[in-house]
Amino acid sequence: MSSATTKDAIPSATDVLRMQGQVIRRILRLNTDRLSQLESLVQPRPAGNCLNWNVGHLLWTNEQLLALLEQPPVLGEKALERYARGSKPLCNAPEAMPLEAMLKAWDESWTRIDAALAHWTPERLAPPAPFSPRNNPDETVGSLLAIILFHQASHTGQTSLLRRLAGKPGAIR
């Protein structure tokens, strides 16, 4: 195998981030397939957030990710304040955004995120991040993107359990 072939076979950091995003997007869509608004509001006991809150929170985070990638928002963080980090559990159905509307915005947000990352070079990952959820003074744009995608994967995994709590069979086989 020539070195050119080997080098071409190694994905770039942005390629890896894009692959992670594509998996996250697909898994959430599988876990929300055929779920009603009412089913999305089933609360885990003794504590936690419902699937609707998780989807809204993931979308709220994607809005921050879009800003980091210098892309326009889909709904805007203000529209998703109810789903912000640290917000109280969503127990009142009228406070919930329609699941289908959030999923449509979810798809659009990932289309924009993927398109932005497709044009990012490794050099764009190196500068200091504008913020750090870990309060890491050495946070870079690349490490922040990795943390955000880990966060997205974690909450997306929760939707697998929340789907089952709503009485639906597991979506990932």
Foldseek 3Di string as FASTA:
>chain_A
DDPVVVVVVDDDLLVVLLVLLVVLLVLLCLLCPPAALVLQQDADPPHDAGNLLLLLLLLLLLQVVCVQLVHHALCDNVVSVCNHPPHGHDNDSVVGDGPVVSNVSSVVSSVSNSVSSVPDDPVQQCDAGPDDPVRDRRHTNSNRSVVSSVVSNVSSVVSQVSSVSSVHDGRDD
